Amino acid sequence: MNRALGLLPIALVLALAGCAPKEPVGSEKTEAELRREEFFGPAAQAQDIAWRPSGLGIRVLKPGEGTAPRPMDRIRLHYTGRLKDGRVFDDTRAKGKPAEFEVSRMIPGLIAGVLALKPGGRAEFFIPPSLGYGGMKFGDIPPVSGLIFDVELLAVNPETPPKS
């Protein structure tokens, strides 16, 4: 009787071993890949986009030079923000005037992307909802939206033009 009870934990471990989650094999897609496809469509498979574990994708269009910004720096940049369907929700180029921000005051996906740029650099950032506005509606941006930003970093800590 005692021997049968001693084998019970071993039998239980062996039975549960078959219930463990399976590792992706061959062409099976990971959860991260499926989520990228959900938010970014065909771009999720593009070979020229570097995907970070956070879900942020960066496509470098033009490398910059110099020192990358830090979180407390002020930056001047041009950007176009759009949704997966191509609908533009903000565009500094169309307005004819670059924007200025303190890096740490932007959404997390832009912060991480901009910190990877150097002045003169340009990149596209593919920002999942978790690094954007999450479940909130923000202006023309629906809740749980993946965002695509085309960002050109013009200057780090630019001198402010004198007031007229």
Foldseek 3Di string as FASTA:
>chain_A
DVVVVVCVVVVVVVVCVVVDDDDDDDPDDDPLLVLCCVFANPVSPDPQWDADPVSKTKRWPFADDDAQADQQWKFWKWKWKDFNVRHTDDGVVVVVGTDIDRLNPAFQQSSVHSSPGDAQIKIKMWAFLVRHVAQDADRPRHHRHTMIMTMHTHDINDDDDDDD
